Amino acid sequence: MAKPIDLDGFEAMFAADPDPWGYAASPFERFKRRILMEAVGTRMYGRGLELACANGENSAVLGNKCLRLLALDGSLTALAIARDRNRATPRIRFAEAVLPGGMPRGPFDLIVVSELLYYLAPNDLQVMLARLRAAVAPGGRIVFLHHFLDFDDAATPPALVGEAVERAFAAGFGVGYRARTGRFVAVAFDR
């Protein structure tokens, strides 16, 4: 197994390529974004939060679903790319945050956590899930999209992340959406 990727690794990836996963052009990434937006639903949200916004491709569509969207990432290079990509959308604010310590308190009407949690060590994952639960506003929605197949640079195995998410949101939340493909799962929990 390879060493888990850290913030320096993500920073190097975005410095080398502004779109290291092909978010803008990949048909698979467009498919994932469509599923993500189905999980977000049709309503308009007041205060939204996107964790690990990367280069801002998802932020662009999430910004149309929130009156205000706070999009966070730990990579300053990714944030610069995301800001530039979304410069015409003033309702999106981009900020640096190292998670779980940099998790804002909320409450948020919508929280989107896409392909992030398996990069956290198991203890940080538990802290993050508790902070996420606390940050969802009454009547709010939290959306998770994550792979469940193992990959080399994860700090926590993806299957364990999925189980931890389900446990963390089993009480006090209802399932508003669920989709599973051959590679990833998307689930929305409503408070």
C-alpha atoms as a PDB file:
ATOM      1  CA  MET A   1       0.000   0.000   0.000  1.00  0.00           C
ATOM      2  CA  ALA A   2       1.232   3.465  -0.868  1.00  0.00           C
ATOM      3  CA  LYS A   3       1.611   6.216   1.691  1.00  0.00           C
ATOM      4  CA  PRO A   4      -1.628   8.174   2.287  1.00  0.00           C
ATOM      5  CA  ILE A   5      -1.648  11.481   0.447  1.00  0.00           C
ATOM      6  CA  ASP A   6      -1.374  14.589   2.618  1.00  0.00           C
ATOM      7  CA  LEU A   7      -1.931  18.309   1.992  1.00  0.00           C
ATOM      8  CA  ASP A   8       1.532  18.679   0.473  1.00  0.00           C
ATOM      9  CA  GLY A   9       0.650  15.892  -1.950  1.00  0.00           C
ATOM     10  CA  PHE A  10      -2.587  17.585  -2.992  1.00  0.00           C
ATOM     11  CA  GLU A  11      -0.780  20.922  -3.329  1.00  0.00           C
ATOM     12  CA  ALA A  12       1.801  19.301  -5.622  1.00  0.00           C
ATOM     13  CA  MET A  13      -0.944  17.685  -7.714  1.00  0.00           C
ATOM     14  CA  PHE A  14      -2.735  20.998  -8.332  1.00  0.00           C
ATOM     15  CA  ALA A  15       0.552  22.814  -8.969  1.00  0.00           C
ATOM     16  CA  ALA A  16       1.357  20.255 -11.686  1.00  0.00           C
ATOM     17  CA  ASP A  17      -2.143  20.117 -13.209  1.00  0.00           C
ATOM     18  CA  PRO A  18      -5.090  22.449 -12.478  1.00  0.00           C
ATOM     19  CA  ASP A  19      -7.485  19.561 -13.124  1.00  0.00           C
ATOM     20  CA  PRO A  20      -5.676  16.405 -11.938  1.00  0.00           C
ATOM     21  CA  TRP A  21      -8.799  14.201 -12.030  1.00  0.00           C
ATOM     22  CA  GLY A  22     -10.313  15.634 -15.200  1.00  0.00           C
ATOM     23  CA  TYR A  23     -13.297  17.196 -13.393  1.00  0.00           C
ATOM     24  CA  ALA A  24     -14.046  19.508 -16.336  1.00  0.00           C
ATOM     25  CA  ALA A  25     -13.811  17.097 -19.283  1.00  0.00           C
ATOM     26  CA  SER A  26     -14.193  13.533 -18.012  1.00  0.00           C
ATOM     27  CA  PRO A  27     -17.548  11.861 -18.805  1.00  0.00           C
ATOM     28  CA  PHE A  28     -17.219   9.896 -15.548  1.00  0.00           C
ATOM     29  CA  GLU A  29     -16.739  13.101 -13.547  1.00  0.00           C
ATOM     30  CA  ARG A  30     -19.765  14.677 -15.270  1.00  0.00           C
ATOM     31  CA  PHE A  31     -21.779  11.543 -14.371  1.00  0.00           C
ATOM     32  CA  LYS A  32     -20.667  11.815 -10.719  1.00  0.00           C
ATOM     33  CA  ARG A  33     -21.587  15.514 -10.671  1.00  0.00           C
ATOM     34  CA  ARG A  34     -25.073  14.666 -12.017  1.00  0.00           C
ATOM     35  CA  ILE A  35     -25.556  12.086  -9.246  1.00  0.00           C
ATOM     36  CA  LEU A  36     -24.216  14.564  -6.683  1.00  0.00           C
ATOM     37  CA  MET A  37     -26.728  17.175  -7.804  1.00  0.00           C
ATOM     38  CA  GLU A  38     -29.564  14.634  -7.690  1.00  0.00           C
ATOM     39  CA  ALA A  39     -28.566  14.035  -4.063  1.00  0.00           C
ATOM     40  CA  VAL A  40     -28.572  17.791  -3.387  1.00  0.00           C
ATOM     41  CA  GLY A  41     -32.167  17.880  -4.631  1.00  0.00           C
ATOM     42  CA  THR A  42     -34.344  20.514  -6.209  1.00  0.00           C
ATOM     43  CA  ARG A  43     -34.725  23.036  -3.405  1.00  0.00           C
ATOM     44  CA  MET A  44     -32.776  26.252  -2.977  1.00  0.00           C
ATOM     45  CA  TYR A  45     -30.666  26.403   0.193  1.00  0.00           C
ATOM     46  CA  GLY A  46     -29.700  29.420   2.248  1.00  0.00           C
ATOM     47  CA  ARG A  47     -26.247  28.779   3.651  1.00  0.00           C
ATOM     48  CA  GLY A  48     -24.203  26.022   1.956  1.00  0.00           C
ATOM     49  CA  LEU A  49     -20.837  24.443   2.694  1.00  0.00           C
ATOM     50  CA  GLU A  50     -18.664  22.457   0.307  1.00  0.00           C
ATOM     51  CA  LEU A  51     -15.686  20.622   1.768  1.00  0.00           C
ATOM     52  CA  ALA A  52     -12.644  19.850  -0.410  1.00  0.00           C
ATOM     53  CA  CYS A  53     -13.799  22.002  -3.322  1.00  0.00           C
ATOM     54  CA  ALA A  54     -10.637  21.242  -5.352  1.00  0.00           C
ATOM     55  CA  ASN A  55     -10.641  23.328  -8.554  1.00  0.00           C
ATOM     56  CA  GLY A  56     -14.226  24.537  -8.155  1.00  0.00           C
ATOM     57  CA  GLU A  57     -16.018  22.468 -10.803  1.00  0.00           C
ATOM     58  CA  ASN A  58     -18.631  21.217  -8.314  1.00  0.00           C
ATOM     59  CA  SER A  59     -18.708  24.661  -6.670  1.00  0.00           C
ATOM     60  CA  ALA A  60     -19.976  26.141  -9.932  1.00  0.00           C
ATOM     61  CA  VAL A  61     -23.136  24.011  -9.880  1.00  0.00           C
ATOM     62  CA  LEU A  62     -23.554  24.091  -6.098  1.00  0.00           C
ATOM     63  CA  GLY A  63     -23.400  27.885  -6.218  1.00  0.00           C
ATOM     64  CA  ASN A  64     -26.656  27.827  -8.173  1.00  0.00           C
ATOM     65  CA  LYS A  65     -28.364  25.923  -5.327  1.00  0.00           C
ATOM     66  CA  CYS A  66     -27.332  28.180  -2.415  1.00  0.00           C
ATOM     67  CA  LEU A  67     -27.861  31.824  -1.599  1.00  0.00           C
ATOM     68  CA  ARG A  68     -24.363  31.714  -0.073  1.00  0.00           C
ATOM     69  CA  LEU A  69     -21.812  28.938  -0.513  1.00  0.00           C
ATOM     70  CA  LEU A  70     -18.628  28.591   1.518  1.00  0.00           C
ATOM     71  CA  ALA A  71     -16.230  26.335  -0.405  1.00  0.00           C
ATOM     72  CA  LEU A  72     -13.190  25.062   1.504  1.00  0.00           C
ATOM     73  CA  ASP A  73      -9.975  23.324   0.541  1.00  0.00           C
ATOM     74  CA  GLY A  74      -6.574  22.779   2.136  1.00  0.00           C
ATOM     75  CA  SER A  75      -4.637  23.445  -1.072  1.00  0.00           C
ATOM     76  CA  LEU A  76      -3.953  27.121  -1.759  1.00  0.00           C
ATOM     77  CA  THR A  77      -3.284  26.324  -5.419  1.00  0.00           C
ATOM     78  CA  ALA A  78      -6.631  24.540  -5.777  1.00  0.00           C
ATOM     79  CA  LEU A  79      -8.369  27.497  -4.107  1.00  0.00           C
ATOM     80  CA  ALA A  80      -6.762  29.961  -6.524  1.00  0.00           C
ATOM     81  CA  ILE A  81      -7.936  27.850  -9.467  1.00  0.00           C
ATOM     82  CA  ALA A  82     -11.439  27.555  -7.968  1.00  0.00           C
ATOM     83  CA  ARG A  83     -11.688  31.305  -7.323  1.00  0.00           C
ATOM     84  CA  ASP A  84     -10.630  32.069 -10.883  1.00  0.00           C
ATOM     85  CA  ARG A  85     -13.048  29.498 -12.339  1.00  0.00           C
ATOM     86  CA  ASN A  86     -15.951  30.981 -10.313  1.00  0.00           C
ATOM     87  CA  ARG A  87     -15.002  34.685 -10.359  1.00  0.00           C
ATOM     88  CA  ALA A  88     -18.378  35.634 -11.911  1.00  0.00           C
ATOM     89  CA  THR A  89     -20.339  34.041  -9.033  1.00  0.00           C
ATOM     90  CA  PRO A  90     -20.092  36.404  -6.026  1.00  0.00           C
ATOM     91  CA  ARG A  91     -22.267  34.232  -3.785  1.00  0.00           C
ATOM     92  CA  ILE A  92     -19.426  31.665  -3.535  1.00  0.00           C
ATOM     93  CA  ARG A  93     -16.691  32.389  -0.998  1.00  0.00           C
ATOM     94  CA  PHE A  94     -13.554  30.253  -1.080  1.00  0.00           C
ATOM     95  CA  ALA A  95     -11.413  29.752   2.018  1.00  0.00           C
ATOM     96  CA  GLU A  96      -8.513  27.626   3.189  1.00  0.00           C
ATOM     97  CA  ALA A  97      -9.282  24.991   5.814  1.00  0.00           C
ATOM     98  CA  VAL A  98      -7.370  22.001   7.120  1.00  0.00           C
ATOM     99  CA  LEU A  99      -9.876  19.446   8.364  1.00  0.00           C
ATOM    100  CA  PRO A 100     -11.133  18.429  10.800  1.00  0.00           C
ATOM    101  CA  GLY A 101      -9.717  21.345  12.820  1.00  0.00           C
ATOM    102  CA  GLY A 102     -10.812  23.964  10.288  1.00  0.00           C
ATOM    103  CA  MET A 103     -14.419  22.787  10.111  1.00  0.00           C
ATOM    104  CA  PRO A 104     -16.718  25.810  10.485  1.00  0.00           C
ATOM    105  CA  ARG A 105     -19.418  25.540  13.152  1.00  0.00           C
ATOM    106  CA  GLY A 106     -22.501  26.187  11.090  1.00  0.00           C
ATOM    107  CA  PRO A 107     -25.363  25.822  11.005  1.00  0.00           C
ATOM    108  CA  PHE A 108     -25.549  25.099   7.283  1.00  0.00           C
ATOM    109  CA  ASP A 109     -28.667  24.301   5.301  1.00  0.00           C
ATOM    110  CA  LEU A 110     -26.632  22.202   2.865  1.00  0.00           C
ATOM    111  CA  ILE A 111     -23.281  20.485   3.388  1.00  0.00           C
ATOM    112  CA  VAL A 112     -21.577  18.610   0.556  1.00  0.00           C
ATOM    113  CA  VAL A 113     -18.761  16.185   1.345  1.00  0.00           C
ATOM    114  CA  SER A 114     -17.503  14.635  -1.873  1.00  0.00           C
ATOM    115  CA  GLU A 115     -14.489  12.332  -2.019  1.00  0.00           C
ATOM    116  CA  LEU A 116     -12.816  13.619   1.123  1.00  0.00           C
ATOM    117  CA  LEU A 117     -13.299  11.456   4.190  1.00  0.00           C
ATOM    118  CA  TYR A 118     -11.000   8.567   3.209  1.00  0.00           C
ATOM    119  CA  TYR A 119      -8.076  10.986   3.168  1.00  0.00           C
ATOM    120  CA  LEU A 120      -8.509  11.494   6.926  1.00  0.00           C
ATOM    121  CA  ALA A 121      -6.904   9.188   9.489  1.00  0.00           C
ATOM    122  CA  PRO A 122      -9.461   7.097  11.423  1.00  0.00           C
ATOM    123  CA  ASN A 123      -9.421   9.339  14.532  1.00  0.00           C
ATOM    124  CA  ASP A 124      -9.773  12.481  12.407  1.00  0.00           C
ATOM    125  CA  LEU A 125     -12.622  10.812  10.525  1.00  0.00           C
ATOM    126  CA  GLN A 126     -14.578  10.331  13.761  1.00  0.00           C
ATOM    127  CA  VAL A 127     -13.957  13.949  14.802  1.00  0.00           C
ATOM    128  CA  MET A 128     -15.009  15.138  11.344  1.00  0.00           C
ATOM    129  CA  LEU A 129     -18.252  13.149  11.385  1.00  0.00           C
ATOM    130  CA  ALA A 130     -19.195  14.544  14.801  1.00  0.00           C
ATOM    131  CA  ARG A 131     -18.526  18.102  13.607  1.00  0.00           C
ATOM    132  CA  LEU A 132     -20.522  17.515  10.446  1.00  0.00           C
ATOM    133  CA  ARG A 133     -23.522  16.244  12.434  1.00  0.00           C
ATOM    134  CA  ALA A 134     -23.402  19.327  14.626  1.00  0.00           C
ATOM    135  CA  ALA A 135     -23.163  21.699  11.645  1.00  0.00           C
ATOM    136  CA  VAL A 136     -26.356  20.615   9.835  1.00  0.00           C
ATOM    137  CA  ALA A 137     -29.173  23.092  10.466  1.00  0.00           C
ATOM    138  CA  PRO A 138     -32.623  21.847  11.483  1.00  0.00           C
ATOM    139  CA  GLY A 139     -34.324  20.926   8.210  1.00  0.00           C
ATOM    140  CA  GLY A 140     -30.922  20.882   6.489  1.00  0.00           C
ATOM    141  CA  ARG A 141     -29.356  18.270   4.237  1.00  0.00           C
ATOM    142  CA  ILE A 142     -25.890  16.749   4.171  1.00  0.00           C
ATOM    143  CA  VAL A 143     -24.711  14.966   1.034  1.00  0.00           C
ATOM    144  CA  PHE A 144     -21.877  12.451   0.884  1.00  0.00           C
ATOM    145  CA  LEU A 145     -20.363  11.052  -2.289  1.00  0.00           C
ATOM    146  CA  HIS A 146     -17.479   8.641  -1.924  1.00  0.00           C
ATOM    147  CA  HIS A 147     -15.885   5.663  -3.591  1.00  0.00           C
ATOM    148  CA  PHE A 148     -16.111   2.329  -1.807  1.00  0.00           C
ATOM    149  CA  LEU A 149     -13.326   0.517  -3.680  1.00  0.00           C
ATOM    150  CA  ASP A 150      -9.867   0.617  -2.108  1.00  0.00           C
ATOM    151  CA  PHE A 151      -7.155   2.826  -3.571  1.00  0.00           C
ATOM    152  CA  ASP A 152      -3.520   3.280  -2.641  1.00  0.00           C
ATOM    153  CA  ASP A 153      -3.322   6.763  -1.109  1.00  0.00           C
ATOM    154  CA  ALA A 154      -6.323   6.590   1.255  1.00  0.00           C
ATOM    155  CA  ALA A 155      -5.653   7.035   4.981  1.00  0.00           C
ATOM    156  CA  THR A 156      -8.848   5.105   5.864  1.00  0.00           C
ATOM    157  CA  PRO A 157     -10.208   2.313   3.647  1.00  0.00           C
ATOM    158  CA  PRO A 158     -13.182   3.618   1.634  1.00  0.00           C
ATOM    159  CA  ALA A 159     -15.523   0.798   2.738  1.00  0.00           C
ATOM    160  CA  LEU A 160     -14.887   1.729   6.377  1.00  0.00           C
ATOM    161  CA  VAL A 161     -15.665   5.376   5.598  1.00  0.00           C
ATOM    162  CA  GLY A 162     -19.041   4.400   4.174  1.00  0.00           C
ATOM    163  CA  GLU A 163     -19.859   2.351   7.274  1.00  0.00           C
ATOM    164  CA  ALA A 164     -18.791   5.211   9.573  1.00  0.00           C
ATOM    165  CA  VAL A 165     -20.975   7.704   7.685  1.00  0.00           C
ATOM    166  CA  GLU A 166     -23.999   5.421   7.959  1.00  0.00           C
ATOM    167  CA  ARG A 167     -23.453   4.946  11.709  1.00  0.00           C
ATOM    168  CA  ALA A 168     -22.905   8.652  12.339  1.00  0.00           C
ATOM    169  CA  PHE A 169     -26.142   9.692  10.632  1.00  0.00           C
ATOM    170  CA  ALA A 170     -28.387   6.762  11.603  1.00  0.00           C
ATOM    171  CA  ALA A 171     -30.092   8.639  14.462  1.00  0.00           C
ATOM    172  CA  GLY A 172     -31.709  12.051  14.110  1.00  0.00           C
ATOM    173  CA  PHE A 173     -31.502  12.065  10.303  1.00  0.00           C
ATOM    174  CA  GLY A 174     -33.582  10.510   7.546  1.00  0.00           C
ATOM    175  CA  VAL A 175     -32.260   9.303   4.206  1.00  0.00           C
ATOM    176  CA  GLY A 176     -33.385  11.721   1.515  1.00  0.00           C
ATOM    177  CA  TYR A 177     -31.481  10.160  -1.372  1.00  0.00           C
ATOM    178  CA  ARG A 178     -29.306   7.124  -2.040  1.00  0.00           C
ATOM    179  CA  ALA A 179     -27.607   5.922  -5.226  1.00  0.00           C
ATOM    180  CA  ARG A 180     -24.904   3.302  -5.668  1.00  0.00           C
ATOM    181  CA  THR A 181     -22.888   2.633  -8.781  1.00  0.00           C
ATOM    182  CA  GLY A 182     -20.142   0.106  -9.364  1.00  0.00           C
ATOM    183  CA  ARG A 183     -17.576   2.516  -7.885  1.00  0.00           C
ATOM    184  CA  PHE A 184     -19.200   5.068  -5.609  1.00  0.00           C
ATOM    185  CA  VAL A 185     -22.182   5.771  -3.403  1.00  0.00           C
ATOM    186  CA  ALA A 186     -24.068   9.042  -2.960  1.00  0.00           C
ATOM    187  CA  VAL A 187     -26.334   9.513   0.053  1.00  0.00           C
ATOM    188  CA  ALA A 188     -28.191  12.522   1.426  1.00  0.00           C
ATOM    189  CA  PHE A 189     -29.305  12.730   5.050  1.00  0.00           C
ATOM    190  CA  ASP A 190     -31.964  15.207   6.148  1.00  0.00           C
ATOM    191  CA  ARG A 191     -32.113  16.551   9.699  1.00  0.00           C
END
